[in-house]
């Protein structure tokens, strides 16, 4: 099955470079290019994109707002957003993860990393660079005033619906561990871990593992540690 990729960046030169790279990879194709967030949202639906490579800073509707719109649209529930950022640590990245992005990647990443990120996002089974994302969220939340955190009480109350094992798995996911690593730590099969992850996502209303990491930290289930 071919992965359908949408490029959203206001720099035509970058879009062209990404198009050449993606189109040259077997099993992938660029189905459209958007120069702003509003166009990205429209094209994600019209072109039936699987993955959107989304720049954060664009004129008009930016990447953050576009990510929120895509995540909130039931018709685009299958679409995965990968945020492309110039900065390794960027507050906007965390906001994008909260808004529904599946992960982030630096614009200076190697071509193989970008292609791998697309495959991982399309597969929906793993968070992009989980350890880095976990560290980013931890640092960001550790610096915030708790009063400023935008809580969803209903979501956090749903933590009570998790089984003991699901909570254990959620903590491990927030630690940036893969299913195989979690299985080894908890002495269960990777398939069992995957089942617990999927059930936790369903109960907490999370689109993917990236959302589970955010929920784990913001709910207080996992405490951020400032480095």
Protein backbone atom coordinates (compact mmCIF):
# COMPACT_ATOMS: atom_id res chain seq x y z
CA UNK A 1 0.00 0.00 0.00
CA UNK A 2 1.38 3.39 -1.02
CA UNK A 3 1.73 6.03 1.71
CA UNK A 4 0.15 9.27 0.54
CA UNK A 5 2.13 12.29 1.77
CA UNK A 6 1.08 15.94 1.87
CA UNK A 7 3.76 18.64 2.17
CA UNK A 8 2.81 21.80 4.09
CA UNK A 9 5.50 24.50 4.10
CA UNK A 10 5.52 28.10 2.90
CA UNK A 11 8.97 27.67 1.32
CA UNK A 12 8.62 26.31 -2.21
CA UNK A 13 12.27 25.25 -2.33
CA UNK A 14 11.89 23.02 0.71
CA UNK A 15 8.70 21.50 -0.64
CA UNK A 16 10.46 20.69 -3.89
CA UNK A 17 13.34 19.02 -2.06
CA UNK A 18 10.97 16.95 0.07
CA UNK A 19 8.92 15.99 -3.00
CA UNK A 20 11.97 14.65 -4.82
CA UNK A 21 12.98 12.64 -1.77
CA UNK A 22 9.55 11.18 -1.03
CA UNK A 23 8.63 10.43 -4.65
CA UNK A 24 11.91 8.59 -5.13
CA UNK A 25 11.08 6.19 -2.29
CA UNK A 26 9.16 3.02 -3.23
CA UNK A 27 5.80 2.85 -1.50
CA UNK A 28 5.45 6.61 -1.04
CA UNK A 29 4.08 9.45 -3.11
CA UNK A 30 3.48 13.15 -2.63
CA UNK A 31 -0.19 13.85 -3.30
CA UNK A 32 -0.09 17.60 -2.79
CA UNK A 33 1.73 20.70 -1.61
CA UNK A 34 0.26 23.39 0.66
CA UNK A 35 1.80 26.79 1.40
CA UNK A 36 -0.31 27.53 4.50
CA UNK A 37 -2.28 25.71 7.15
CA UNK A 38 -5.76 26.32 5.74
CA UNK A 39 -4.70 24.85 2.41
CA UNK A 40 -3.12 21.89 4.24
CA UNK A 41 -6.38 21.06 6.02
CA UNK A 42 -8.37 21.23 2.78
CA UNK A 43 -5.88 19.17 0.80
CA UNK A 44 -5.53 16.54 3.56
CA UNK A 45 -9.17 15.73 2.95
CA UNK A 46 -9.33 16.26 -0.82
CA UNK A 47 -6.17 14.27 -1.56
CA UNK A 48 -6.83 11.54 1.04
CA UNK A 49 -3.41 12.04 2.63
CA UNK A 50 -2.06 9.51 5.13
CA UNK A 51 0.74 11.69 6.51
CA UNK A 52 1.15 15.46 6.55
CA UNK A 53 4.66 16.90 6.92
CA UNK A 54 3.68 20.16 8.60
CA UNK A 55 5.82 23.25 9.10
CA UNK A 56 4.85 25.21 12.22
CA UNK A 57 5.47 28.76 11.05
CA UNK A 58 3.38 29.62 8.00
CA UNK A 59 1.44 32.76 7.07
CA UNK A 60 -2.26 32.89 7.85
CA UNK A 61 -3.32 29.62 9.45
CA UNK A 62 -0.11 28.26 10.93
CA UNK A 63 0.88 24.63 11.40
CA UNK A 64 -0.33 24.51 14.99
CA UNK A 65 -3.84 25.67 14.10
CA UNK A 66 -3.91 23.36 11.09
CA UNK A 67 -2.93 20.39 13.24
CA UNK A 68 -5.77 21.14 15.63
CA UNK A 69 -8.26 21.36 12.76
CA UNK A 70 -7.09 18.05 11.28
CA UNK A 71 -7.20 16.30 14.65
CA UNK A 72 -10.69 17.62 15.40
CA UNK A 73 -12.18 16.45 12.09
CA UNK A 74 -13.60 12.89 12.33
CA UNK A 75 -13.23 12.57 8.56
CA UNK A 76 -9.46 12.98 9.00
CA UNK A 77 -9.04 10.58 11.91
CA UNK A 78 -6.66 8.45 9.83
CA UNK A 79 -4.34 11.36 9.01
CA UNK A 80 -1.06 11.57 10.93
CA UNK A 81 0.74 14.91 11.28
CA UNK A 82 4.52 15.08 11.61
CA UNK A 83 5.72 18.51 12.68
CA UNK A 84 8.84 19.79 10.94
CA UNK A 85 10.78 22.28 13.03
CA UNK A 86 14.00 24.23 12.68
CA UNK A 87 14.57 23.95 16.42
CA UNK A 88 15.31 20.84 18.43
CA UNK A 89 13.45 22.27 21.45
CA UNK A 90 10.44 24.39 20.61
CA UNK A 91 7.41 25.17 22.77
CA UNK A 92 5.27 25.00 19.64
CA UNK A 93 6.19 21.35 19.22
CA UNK A 94 4.65 20.47 22.58
CA UNK A 95 1.54 22.45 21.74
CA UNK A 96 1.34 20.58 18.44
CA UNK A 97 1.56 17.23 20.22
CA UNK A 98 -1.28 18.35 22.46
CA UNK A 99 -3.20 19.38 19.36
CA UNK A 100 -2.87 15.90 17.88
CA UNK A 101 0.43 15.68 16.02
CA UNK A 102 2.08 12.26 16.02
CA UNK A 103 5.57 13.61 16.58
CA UNK A 104 8.21 15.98 15.36
CA UNK A 105 11.36 16.00 13.27
CA UNK A 106 14.08 18.58 12.74
CA UNK A 107 14.35 20.05 9.26
CA UNK A 108 18.04 19.23 9.37
CA UNK A 109 17.38 15.50 9.74
CA UNK A 110 18.98 13.04 7.35
CA UNK A 111 16.87 11.84 4.39
CA UNK A 112 16.62 8.33 5.83
CA UNK A 113 15.31 9.76 9.10
CA UNK A 114 12.58 11.67 7.30
CA UNK A 115 11.49 8.63 5.29
CA UNK A 116 11.53 6.49 8.41
CA UNK A 117 9.43 9.09 10.23
CA UNK A 118 6.82 8.94 7.48
CA UNK A 119 6.63 5.15 7.69
CA UNK A 120 6.38 5.17 11.48
CA UNK A 121 3.67 7.83 11.48
CA UNK A 122 1.70 6.04 8.77
CA UNK A 123 1.91 2.81 10.74
CA UNK A 124 0.57 4.55 13.84
CA UNK A 125 2.36 2.16 16.18
CA UNK A 126 5.26 4.20 17.52
CA UNK A 127 6.04 7.74 18.52
CA UNK A 128 8.65 9.52 16.47
CA UNK A 129 11.88 9.77 18.43
CA UNK A 130 10.06 8.86 21.67
CA UNK A 131 12.91 9.55 24.07
CA UNK A 132 13.53 13.01 22.63
CA UNK A 133 9.83 13.84 22.69
CA UNK A 134 9.50 12.66 26.27
CA UNK A 135 12.43 14.81 27.33
CA UNK A 136 11.03 17.82 25.51
CA UNK A 137 7.65 17.52 27.20
CA UNK A 138 9.24 16.99 30.60
CA UNK A 139 11.39 20.11 30.30
CA UNK A 140 8.50 22.18 28.99
CA UNK A 141 6.04 21.14 31.69
CA UNK A 142 8.66 21.52 34.43
CA UNK A 143 9.04 25.18 33.48
CA UNK A 144 5.33 25.98 33.32
CA UNK A 145 3.15 27.44 36.02
CA UNK A 146 0.63 24.69 36.84
CA UNK A 147 -2.12 27.30 36.79
CA UNK A 148 -1.40 27.88 33.12
CA UNK A 149 -1.82 24.24 32.11
CA UNK A 150 -4.83 23.76 29.88
CA UNK A 151 -6.43 20.75 31.60
CA UNK A 152 -9.30 18.65 30.35
CA UNK A 153 -10.78 17.30 33.63
CA UNK A 154 -12.87 14.67 31.86
CA UNK A 155 -9.78 13.22 30.18
CA UNK A 156 -7.85 12.99 33.41
CA UNK A 157 -10.79 11.45 35.24
CA UNK A 158 -10.69 8.70 32.62
CA UNK A 159 -7.33 7.66 34.07
CA UNK A 160 -9.48 5.96 36.70
CA UNK A 161 -10.87 3.70 33.98
CA UNK A 162 -7.43 2.25 33.27
CA UNK A 163 -6.53 -1.09 34.75
CA UNK A 164 -3.42 -1.40 36.89
CA UNK A 165 -1.56 -3.00 33.99
CA UNK A 166 -2.69 -0.30 31.56
CA UNK A 167 -1.35 2.34 33.94
CA UNK A 168 1.94 0.49 34.15
CA UNK A 169 2.17 0.36 30.38
CA UNK A 170 1.25 4.06 30.09
CA UNK A 171 4.10 4.97 32.43
CA UNK A 172 6.49 2.94 30.28
CA UNK A 173 5.21 4.60 27.09
CA UNK A 174 5.80 8.01 28.68
CA UNK A 175 9.34 6.86 29.39
CA UNK A 176 9.95 6.55 25.67
CA UNK A 177 10.10 2.75 25.59
CA UNK A 178 9.08 0.62 22.60
CA UNK A 179 6.57 -2.22 22.85
CA UNK A 180 9.39 -4.77 22.82
CA UNK A 181 11.22 -2.99 25.62
CA UNK A 182 8.04 -2.68 27.68
CA UNK A 183 7.29 -6.37 27.15
CA UNK A 184 10.71 -7.28 28.48
CA UNK A 185 10.37 -4.99 31.49
CA UNK A 186 6.90 -6.27 32.42
CA UNK A 187 7.59 -9.87 31.38
CA UNK A 188 4.70 -10.10 28.93
CA UNK A 189 4.49 -10.48 25.15
CA UNK A 190 4.81 -7.49 22.78
CA UNK A 191 1.30 -8.31 21.51
CA UNK A 192 -0.05 -7.99 25.03
CA UNK A 193 1.66 -4.62 25.40
CA UNK A 194 0.19 -3.46 22.11
CA UNK A 195 -3.27 -4.48 23.31
CA UNK A 196 -2.85 -2.51 26.54
CA UNK A 197 -1.58 0.54 24.61
CA UNK A 198 -4.54 0.42 22.24
CA UNK A 199 -7.01 0.10 25.12
CA UNK A 200 -5.40 3.01 26.96
CA UNK A 201 -5.63 5.17 23.83
CA UNK A 202 -9.31 4.30 23.41
CA UNK A 203 -10.16 5.05 27.04
CA UNK A 204 -8.22 8.34 27.11
CA UNK A 205 -9.27 9.55 23.67
CA UNK A 206 -5.67 9.61 22.42
CA UNK A 207 -4.91 9.42 18.72
CA UNK A 208 -1.54 7.75 19.19
CA UNK A 209 1.40 7.20 21.52
CA UNK A 210 2.44 10.85 21.33
CA UNK A 211 -0.86 11.81 22.92
CA UNK A 212 -0.39 9.19 25.63
CA UNK A 213 2.95 10.77 26.57
CA UNK A 214 1.34 14.20 26.91
CA UNK A 215 -1.57 12.84 28.96
CA UNK A 216 0.77 10.92 31.26
CA UNK A 217 2.71 14.09 32.08
CA UNK A 218 -0.14 16.58 32.22
CA UNK A 219 -2.29 14.32 34.40
CA UNK A 220 0.49 13.90 36.91
CA UNK A 221 0.74 10.13 36.40
CA UNK A 222 4.36 10.76 35.43
CA UNK A 223 6.25 13.64 37.02
CA UNK A 224 8.54 15.76 34.82
CA UNK A 225 12.08 16.24 36.01
CA UNK A 226 13.92 19.42 35.05
CA UNK A 227 17.45 18.71 33.82
